């Protein structure tokens, strides 16, 4: 049974525990939900890995497959995982260059939770024999954890 503090932390979350399976038609910061960081007094890393990210090439419309790794040090807010899943899935019908995808994900996550530090790393499947990796960081790009 969830404690009183767990129930309070979950107040305002719309996706967690809901039976909805309707994915957003396009990426939007409003899809990302947050909850209070109970450990805001210390720095610690949170890592999300999406092994089946998909977007569309803006020119050909062909799918681009990628592994996205998101590492961040939260400040007052943490990203709720199910909302992140829905947010990332909304890229499936979005035409965008790989570089734009990674930078937009970073910008939207920073807008949603205002972390102390955040890195988004995208490893896109090879096309024409060339593999593309893109990394964006906030407040600036440097060495990310585990790199």
N, C-alpha and C. Protein backbone atom coordinates (compact mmCIF):
# COMPACT_ATOMS: atom_id res chain seq x y z
N UNK A 1 0.84 -1.18 0.00
CA UNK A 1 0.00 0.00 0.00
C UNK A 1 0.89 1.25 0.00
N UNK A 2 0.53 2.22 -0.81
CA UNK A 2 1.32 3.45 -0.92
C UNK A 2 1.20 4.27 0.35
N UNK A 3 2.33 4.85 0.77
CA UNK A 3 2.33 5.69 1.96
C UNK A 3 1.68 7.03 1.65
N UNK A 4 1.37 7.77 2.68
CA UNK A 4 0.76 9.09 2.53
C UNK A 4 1.68 10.01 1.74
N UNK A 5 3.00 9.94 2.01
CA UNK A 5 3.95 10.80 1.28
C UNK A 5 4.05 10.39 -0.19
N UNK A 6 3.94 9.08 -0.48
CA UNK A 6 3.96 8.62 -1.88
C UNK A 6 2.73 9.12 -2.63
N UNK A 7 1.56 9.06 -1.96
CA UNK A 7 0.33 9.53 -2.60
C UNK A 7 0.40 11.03 -2.85
N UNK A 8 0.97 11.77 -1.90
CA UNK A 8 1.10 13.22 -2.06
C UNK A 8 2.03 13.54 -3.23
N UNK A 9 3.14 12.80 -3.35
CA UNK A 9 4.10 13.02 -4.44
C UNK A 9 3.46 12.75 -5.80
N UNK A 10 2.48 11.86 -5.84
CA UNK A 10 1.85 11.48 -7.10
C UNK A 10 0.69 12.41 -7.49
N UNK A 11 0.32 13.33 -6.60
CA UNK A 11 -0.75 14.26 -6.93
C UNK A 11 -0.41 15.05 -8.18
N UNK A 12 -1.35 15.16 -9.07
CA UNK A 12 -1.14 15.92 -10.29
C UNK A 12 -0.63 15.10 -11.46
N UNK A 13 -0.18 13.87 -11.21
CA UNK A 13 0.26 13.01 -12.31
C UNK A 13 -0.97 12.43 -12.98
N UNK A 14 -1.08 12.59 -14.29
CA UNK A 14 -2.26 12.15 -15.02
C UNK A 14 -2.08 10.78 -15.69
N UNK A 15 -0.86 10.45 -16.10
CA UNK A 15 -0.63 9.22 -16.85
C UNK A 15 -0.35 8.02 -15.96
N UNK A 16 0.41 8.22 -14.89
CA UNK A 16 0.81 7.12 -14.01
C UNK A 16 -0.43 6.49 -13.39
N UNK A 17 -0.61 5.20 -13.61
CA UNK A 17 -1.76 4.49 -13.07
C UNK A 17 -3.00 4.57 -13.93
N UNK A 18 -2.99 5.42 -14.94
CA UNK A 18 -4.14 5.53 -15.84
C UNK A 18 -4.06 4.44 -16.90
N UNK A 19 -5.20 3.94 -17.29
CA UNK A 19 -5.25 2.89 -18.30
C UNK A 19 -5.14 3.39 -19.72
N UNK A 20 -4.96 4.68 -19.91
CA UNK A 20 -4.92 5.26 -21.25
C UNK A 20 -3.75 4.73 -22.07
N UNK A 21 -4.00 4.49 -23.32
CA UNK A 21 -2.95 4.07 -24.24
C UNK A 21 -2.88 4.98 -25.45
N UNK A 22 -3.53 6.13 -25.38
CA UNK A 22 -3.56 7.08 -26.50
C UNK A 22 -2.28 7.91 -26.46
N UNK A 23 -1.46 7.75 -27.49
CA UNK A 23 -0.19 8.48 -27.56
C UNK A 23 -0.42 9.86 -28.16
N UNK A 24 0.35 10.85 -27.72
CA UNK A 24 0.25 12.18 -28.31
C UNK A 24 0.60 12.14 -29.80
N UNK A 25 -0.05 12.98 -30.59
CA UNK A 25 0.19 13.02 -32.03
C UNK A 25 1.53 13.64 -32.38
N UNK A 26 2.04 14.51 -31.51
CA UNK A 26 3.32 15.15 -31.75
C UNK A 26 3.97 15.49 -30.42
N UNK A 27 5.30 15.67 -30.41
CA UNK A 27 5.99 15.98 -29.16
C UNK A 27 5.55 17.32 -28.59
N UNK A 28 5.35 17.36 -27.27
CA UNK A 28 4.98 18.60 -26.59
C UNK A 28 5.49 18.53 -25.15
N UNK A 29 6.02 19.64 -24.67
CA UNK A 29 6.51 19.70 -23.29
C UNK A 29 5.38 19.35 -22.32
N UNK A 30 4.16 19.71 -22.68
CA UNK A 30 3.01 19.47 -21.78
C UNK A 30 2.77 17.98 -21.52
N UNK A 31 3.31 17.10 -22.34
CA UNK A 31 3.19 15.66 -22.12
C UNK A 31 4.04 15.22 -20.93
N UNK A 32 5.15 15.92 -20.71
CA UNK A 32 6.09 15.55 -19.64
C UNK A 32 5.54 15.96 -18.28
N UNK A 33 5.41 14.98 -17.39
CA UNK A 33 4.94 15.24 -16.04
C UNK A 33 6.11 15.12 -15.07
N UNK A 34 6.02 15.83 -13.97
CA UNK A 34 7.10 15.84 -12.98
C UNK A 34 6.52 15.59 -11.58
N UNK A 35 7.42 15.23 -10.68
CA UNK A 35 7.06 15.11 -9.28
C UNK A 35 8.19 15.68 -8.44
N UNK A 36 7.89 16.01 -7.21
CA UNK A 36 8.87 16.65 -6.33
C UNK A 36 10.04 15.71 -6.04
N UNK A 37 11.24 16.26 -6.10
CA UNK A 37 12.46 15.51 -5.79
C UNK A 37 12.64 15.49 -4.27
N UNK A 38 12.44 14.35 -3.67
CA UNK A 38 12.55 14.22 -2.21
C UNK A 38 13.99 14.34 -1.72
N UNK A 39 14.96 14.30 -2.66
CA UNK A 39 16.37 14.35 -2.28
C UNK A 39 17.07 15.53 -2.95
N UNK A 40 16.38 16.65 -3.05
CA UNK A 40 16.89 17.83 -3.75
C UNK A 40 18.12 18.44 -3.09
N UNK A 41 18.40 18.07 -1.86
CA UNK A 41 19.56 18.63 -1.16
C UNK A 41 20.87 18.04 -1.66
N UNK A 42 20.81 16.93 -2.40
CA UNK A 42 22.06 16.31 -2.88
C UNK A 42 22.03 16.14 -4.39
N UNK A 43 23.21 16.02 -4.96
CA UNK A 43 23.34 15.71 -6.39
C UNK A 43 23.34 14.20 -6.57
N UNK A 44 22.56 13.72 -7.50
CA UNK A 44 22.59 12.31 -7.90
C UNK A 44 22.09 12.22 -9.32
N UNK A 45 22.56 11.21 -10.04
CA UNK A 45 22.21 11.04 -11.45
C UNK A 45 21.00 10.12 -11.60
N UNK A 46 20.15 10.47 -12.56
CA UNK A 46 19.06 9.60 -13.00
C UNK A 46 19.34 9.31 -14.47
N UNK A 47 19.20 8.05 -14.88
CA UNK A 47 19.43 7.67 -16.27
C UNK A 47 18.17 7.01 -16.82
N UNK A 48 17.76 7.45 -18.01
CA UNK A 48 16.71 6.81 -18.78
C UNK A 48 17.35 6.28 -20.06
N UNK A 49 17.00 5.07 -20.46
CA UNK A 49 17.47 4.52 -21.73
C UNK A 49 16.26 4.06 -22.52
N UNK A 50 16.14 4.57 -23.72
CA UNK A 50 15.08 4.16 -24.63
C UNK A 50 15.75 3.44 -25.80
N UNK A 51 15.54 2.14 -25.86
CA UNK A 51 16.23 1.33 -26.87
C UNK A 51 15.47 1.26 -28.19
N UNK A 52 14.23 1.76 -28.21
CA UNK A 52 13.42 1.62 -29.43
C UNK A 52 12.83 2.95 -29.88
N UNK A 53 13.62 4.01 -29.78
CA UNK A 53 13.16 5.33 -30.21
C UNK A 53 13.05 5.35 -31.74
N UNK A 54 12.00 5.99 -32.23
CA UNK A 54 11.79 6.09 -33.67
C UNK A 54 11.29 7.49 -34.02
N UNK A 55 11.86 8.05 -35.07
CA UNK A 55 11.36 9.28 -35.67
C UNK A 55 11.42 9.08 -37.19
N UNK A 56 11.06 10.09 -37.95
CA UNK A 56 11.07 9.96 -39.40
C UNK A 56 12.07 10.93 -40.02
N UNK A 57 12.72 10.47 -41.10
CA UNK A 57 13.60 11.35 -41.86
C UNK A 57 12.74 12.47 -42.45
N UNK A 58 13.18 13.73 -42.31
CA UNK A 58 12.35 14.84 -42.81
C UNK A 58 12.25 14.89 -44.34
N UNK A 59 13.16 14.24 -45.02
CA UNK A 59 13.17 14.29 -46.49
C UNK A 59 12.46 13.08 -47.08
N UNK A 60 12.86 11.87 -46.67
CA UNK A 60 12.33 10.64 -47.28
C UNK A 60 11.10 10.10 -46.56
N UNK A 61 10.92 10.47 -45.30
CA UNK A 61 9.82 9.92 -44.52
C UNK A 61 10.10 8.52 -43.99
N UNK A 62 11.30 8.01 -44.25
CA UNK A 62 11.68 6.69 -43.75
C UNK A 62 11.97 6.76 -42.25
N UNK A 63 11.73 5.67 -41.53
CA UNK A 63 11.97 5.69 -40.08
C UNK A 63 13.47 5.73 -39.75
N UNK A 64 13.77 6.48 -38.72
CA UNK A 64 15.11 6.51 -38.13
C UNK A 64 15.00 5.86 -36.76
N UNK A 65 15.78 4.83 -36.52
CA UNK A 65 15.75 4.10 -35.25
C UNK A 65 16.95 4.54 -34.41
N UNK A 66 16.74 4.65 -33.11
CA UNK A 66 17.82 5.11 -32.25
C UNK A 66 17.69 4.55 -30.84
N UNK A 67 18.83 4.59 -30.17
CA UNK A 67 18.89 4.37 -28.73
C UNK A 67 19.13 5.75 -28.13
N UNK A 68 18.24 6.19 -27.25
CA UNK A 68 18.41 7.47 -26.57
C UNK A 68 18.79 7.22 -25.13
N UNK A 69 19.79 7.93 -24.66
CA UNK A 69 20.20 7.87 -23.25
C UNK A 69 20.05 9.28 -22.69
N UNK A 70 19.32 9.39 -21.60
CA UNK A 70 19.11 10.67 -20.94
C UNK A 70 19.66 10.55 -19.53
N UNK A 71 20.64 11.37 -19.20
CA UNK A 71 21.22 11.42 -17.86
C UNK A 71 20.98 12.81 -17.31
N UNK A 72 20.48 12.88 -16.06
CA UNK A 72 20.31 14.21 -15.48
C UNK A 72 20.44 14.21 -13.97
N UNK A 73 20.84 15.35 -13.46
CA UNK A 73 20.84 15.60 -12.02
C UNK A 73 19.63 16.48 -11.77
N UNK A 74 18.63 15.96 -11.06
CA UNK A 74 17.43 16.76 -10.83
C UNK A 74 17.70 17.88 -9.83
N UNK A 75 16.88 18.91 -9.90
CA UNK A 75 16.90 19.94 -8.86
C UNK A 75 15.65 19.71 -8.03
N UNK A 76 14.63 20.49 -8.20
CA UNK A 76 13.41 20.35 -7.38
C UNK A 76 12.43 19.35 -7.95
N UNK A 77 12.55 19.05 -9.25
CA UNK A 77 11.58 18.17 -9.92
C UNK A 77 12.27 17.01 -10.63
N UNK A 78 11.58 15.87 -10.66
CA UNK A 78 12.02 14.69 -11.42
C UNK A 78 10.99 14.42 -12.52
N UNK A 79 11.45 13.85 -13.62
CA UNK A 79 10.57 13.48 -14.72
C UNK A 79 9.90 12.15 -14.39
N UNK A 80 8.60 12.09 -14.57
CA UNK A 80 7.85 10.86 -14.35
C UNK A 80 8.04 9.96 -15.58
N UNK A 81 8.38 8.71 -15.36
CA UNK A 81 8.82 7.81 -16.43
C UNK A 81 7.74 7.54 -17.49
N UNK A 82 6.51 7.28 -17.08
CA UNK A 82 5.47 6.97 -18.07
C UNK A 82 5.22 8.15 -18.99
N UNK A 83 5.26 9.36 -18.44
CA UNK A 83 5.05 10.54 -19.29
C UNK A 83 6.21 10.68 -20.28
N UNK A 84 7.43 10.34 -19.85
CA UNK A 84 8.57 10.37 -20.77
C UNK A 84 8.38 9.35 -21.88
N UNK A 85 7.88 8.17 -21.53
CA UNK A 85 7.61 7.14 -22.54
C UNK A 85 6.62 7.66 -23.59
N UNK A 86 5.55 8.30 -23.14
CA UNK A 86 4.55 8.84 -24.07
C UNK A 86 5.17 9.97 -24.91
N UNK A 87 5.95 10.83 -24.27
CA UNK A 87 6.61 11.93 -24.98
C UNK A 87 7.51 11.38 -26.08
N UNK A 88 8.38 10.42 -25.75
CA UNK A 88 9.30 9.87 -26.76
C UNK A 88 8.54 9.16 -27.87
N UNK A 89 7.47 8.45 -27.53
CA UNK A 89 6.68 7.73 -28.55
C UNK A 89 6.02 8.71 -29.52
N UNK A 90 5.79 9.94 -29.09
CA UNK A 90 5.14 10.92 -29.97
C UNK A 90 6.02 11.34 -31.14
N UNK A 91 7.29 10.97 -31.12
CA UNK A 91 8.19 11.27 -32.23
C UNK A 91 8.02 10.30 -33.40
N UNK A 92 7.29 9.23 -33.23
CA UNK A 92 7.18 8.18 -34.26
C UNK A 92 6.69 8.71 -35.60
N UNK A 93 5.85 9.72 -35.57
CA UNK A 93 5.33 10.30 -36.82
C UNK A 93 5.88 11.70 -37.06
N UNK A 94 6.97 12.03 -36.40
CA UNK A 94 7.56 13.36 -36.50
C UNK A 94 8.75 13.33 -37.45
N UNK A 95 8.71 14.19 -38.46
CA UNK A 95 9.82 14.30 -39.41
C UNK A 95 10.82 15.30 -38.89
N UNK A 96 12.04 14.82 -38.64
CA UNK A 96 13.06 15.70 -38.08
C UNK A 96 14.44 15.07 -38.25
N UNK A 97 15.44 15.92 -38.46
CA UNK A 97 16.81 15.43 -38.51
C UNK A 97 17.23 14.94 -37.13
N UNK A 98 18.16 13.98 -37.11
CA UNK A 98 18.63 13.39 -35.85
C UNK A 98 19.13 14.46 -34.88
N UNK A 99 19.89 15.42 -35.40
CA UNK A 99 20.44 16.48 -34.56
C UNK A 99 19.32 17.30 -33.90
N UNK A 100 18.28 17.57 -34.66
CA UNK A 100 17.15 18.33 -34.14
C UNK A 100 16.40 17.55 -33.07
N UNK A 101 16.23 16.25 -33.28
CA UNK A 101 15.53 15.41 -32.30
C UNK A 101 16.23 15.48 -30.94
N UNK A 102 17.53 15.22 -30.92
CA UNK A 102 18.27 15.20 -29.65
C UNK A 102 18.23 16.56 -28.97
N UNK A 103 18.41 17.62 -29.73
CA UNK A 103 18.39 18.96 -29.13
C UNK A 103 16.99 19.35 -28.65
N UNK A 104 15.97 18.93 -29.36
CA UNK A 104 14.61 19.24 -28.91
C UNK A 104 14.26 18.47 -27.63
N UNK A 105 14.63 17.19 -27.57
CA UNK A 105 14.39 16.41 -26.35
C UNK A 105 15.08 17.09 -25.17
N UNK A 106 16.34 17.51 -25.37
CA UNK A 106 17.05 18.19 -24.29
C UNK A 106 16.32 19.46 -23.87
N UNK A 107 15.95 20.30 -24.81
CA UNK A 107 15.27 21.56 -24.50
C UNK A 107 13.95 21.32 -23.78
N UNK A 108 13.18 20.35 -24.23
CA UNK A 108 11.88 20.06 -23.61
C UNK A 108 12.04 19.53 -22.19
N UNK A 109 13.04 18.67 -21.96
CA UNK A 109 13.27 18.15 -20.62
C UNK A 109 13.74 19.25 -19.67
N UNK A 110 14.60 20.13 -20.15
CA UNK A 110 15.05 21.26 -19.33
C UNK A 110 13.87 22.16 -18.98
N UNK A 111 13.01 22.41 -19.94
CA UNK A 111 11.82 23.23 -19.70
C UNK A 111 10.90 22.58 -18.66
N UNK A 112 10.74 21.27 -18.75
CA UNK A 112 9.82 20.56 -17.87
C UNK A 112 10.29 20.46 -16.43
N UNK A 113 11.60 20.18 -16.22
CA UNK A 113 12.04 19.90 -14.84
C UNK A 113 13.17 20.78 -14.33
N UNK A 114 13.72 21.64 -15.17
CA UNK A 114 14.79 22.55 -14.76
C UNK A 114 15.87 21.85 -13.93
N UNK A 115 16.55 20.87 -14.53
CA UNK A 115 17.56 20.10 -13.79
C UNK A 115 18.83 20.91 -13.55
N UNK A 116 19.67 20.39 -12.68
CA UNK A 116 20.97 21.01 -12.46
C UNK A 116 21.89 20.74 -13.64
N UNK A 117 21.76 19.53 -14.20
CA UNK A 117 22.57 19.14 -15.35
C UNK A 117 21.80 18.07 -16.11
N UNK A 118 21.96 18.04 -17.44
CA UNK A 118 21.25 17.07 -18.26
C UNK A 118 22.02 16.80 -19.54
N UNK A 119 22.07 15.53 -19.93
CA UNK A 119 22.67 15.13 -21.21
C UNK A 119 21.68 14.24 -21.94
N UNK A 120 21.56 14.45 -23.23
CA UNK A 120 20.79 13.55 -24.10
C UNK A 120 21.75 13.05 -25.16
N UNK A 121 21.85 11.73 -25.26
CA UNK A 121 22.75 11.10 -26.22
C UNK A 121 21.90 10.20 -27.12
N UNK A 122 21.97 10.43 -28.43
CA UNK A 122 21.24 9.61 -29.39
C UNK A 122 22.19 8.84 -30.27
N UNK A 123 22.01 7.52 -30.32
CA UNK A 123 22.79 6.66 -31.22
C UNK A 123 21.83 6.14 -32.28
N UNK A 124 21.92 6.71 -33.47
CA UNK A 124 21.00 6.37 -34.55
C UNK A 124 21.54 5.23 -35.40
N UNK A 125 20.63 4.38 -35.85
CA UNK A 125 21.01 3.23 -36.67
C UNK A 125 21.67 3.71 -37.96
N UNK A 126 22.63 2.94 -38.48
CA UNK A 126 23.34 3.36 -39.69
C UNK A 126 22.40 3.50 -40.89
N UNK A 127 22.71 4.50 -41.70
CA UNK A 127 22.05 4.71 -42.99
C UNK A 127 23.14 4.94 -44.00
N UNK A 128 23.11 4.19 -45.07
CA UNK A 128 24.15 4.33 -46.08
C UNK A 128 25.54 4.03 -45.53
N UNK A 129 25.60 3.17 -44.51
CA UNK A 129 26.88 2.79 -43.93
C UNK A 129 27.44 3.78 -42.92
N UNK A 130 26.69 4.82 -42.60
CA UNK A 130 27.16 5.83 -41.65
C UNK A 130 26.25 5.84 -40.42
N UNK A 131 26.89 5.67 -39.27
CA UNK A 131 26.17 5.75 -37.99
C UNK A 131 26.29 7.18 -37.47
N UNK A 132 25.21 7.72 -36.95
CA UNK A 132 25.20 9.07 -36.41
C UNK A 132 24.93 9.02 -34.91
N UNK A 133 25.78 9.68 -34.13
CA UNK A 133 25.55 9.87 -32.71
C UNK A 133 25.51 11.36 -32.45
N UNK A 134 24.53 11.78 -31.65
CA UNK A 134 24.37 13.20 -31.34
C UNK A 134 24.25 13.33 -29.83
N UNK A 135 24.92 14.33 -29.28
CA UNK A 135 24.85 14.57 -27.84
C UNK A 135 24.63 16.05 -27.58
N UNK A 136 23.68 16.33 -26.69
CA UNK A 136 23.40 17.71 -26.29
C UNK A 136 23.42 17.76 -24.77
N UNK A 137 23.95 18.84 -24.22
CA UNK A 137 24.05 18.96 -22.78
C UNK A 137 23.59 20.30 -22.26
N UNK A 138 23.11 20.28 -21.02
CA UNK A 138 22.68 21.47 -20.33
C UNK A 138 23.31 21.49 -18.95
N UNK A 139 23.86 22.58 -18.48
CA UNK A 139 23.87 23.88 -19.12
C UNK A 139 24.87 23.98 -20.27
N UNK A 140 25.82 23.07 -20.33
CA UNK A 140 26.72 23.02 -21.49
C UNK A 140 27.12 21.56 -21.68
N UNK A 141 27.58 21.25 -22.86
CA UNK A 141 27.96 19.87 -23.16
C UNK A 141 29.38 19.62 -22.67
N UNK A 142 29.53 18.56 -21.92
CA UNK A 142 30.83 18.15 -21.43
C UNK A 142 30.81 16.63 -21.40
N UNK A 143 31.62 16.04 -20.59
CA UNK A 143 31.63 14.57 -20.48
C UNK A 143 30.42 14.13 -19.66
N UNK A 144 29.62 13.26 -20.24
CA UNK A 144 28.46 12.76 -19.51
C UNK A 144 28.85 11.55 -18.68
N UNK A 145 28.05 11.19 -17.69
CA UNK A 145 28.37 10.04 -16.85
C UNK A 145 28.48 8.76 -17.66
N UNK A 146 29.43 7.95 -17.37
CA UNK A 146 29.57 6.65 -18.02
C UNK A 146 30.07 6.72 -19.45
N UNK A 147 30.44 7.89 -19.93
CA UNK A 147 30.89 8.01 -21.32
C UNK A 147 32.35 7.61 -21.45
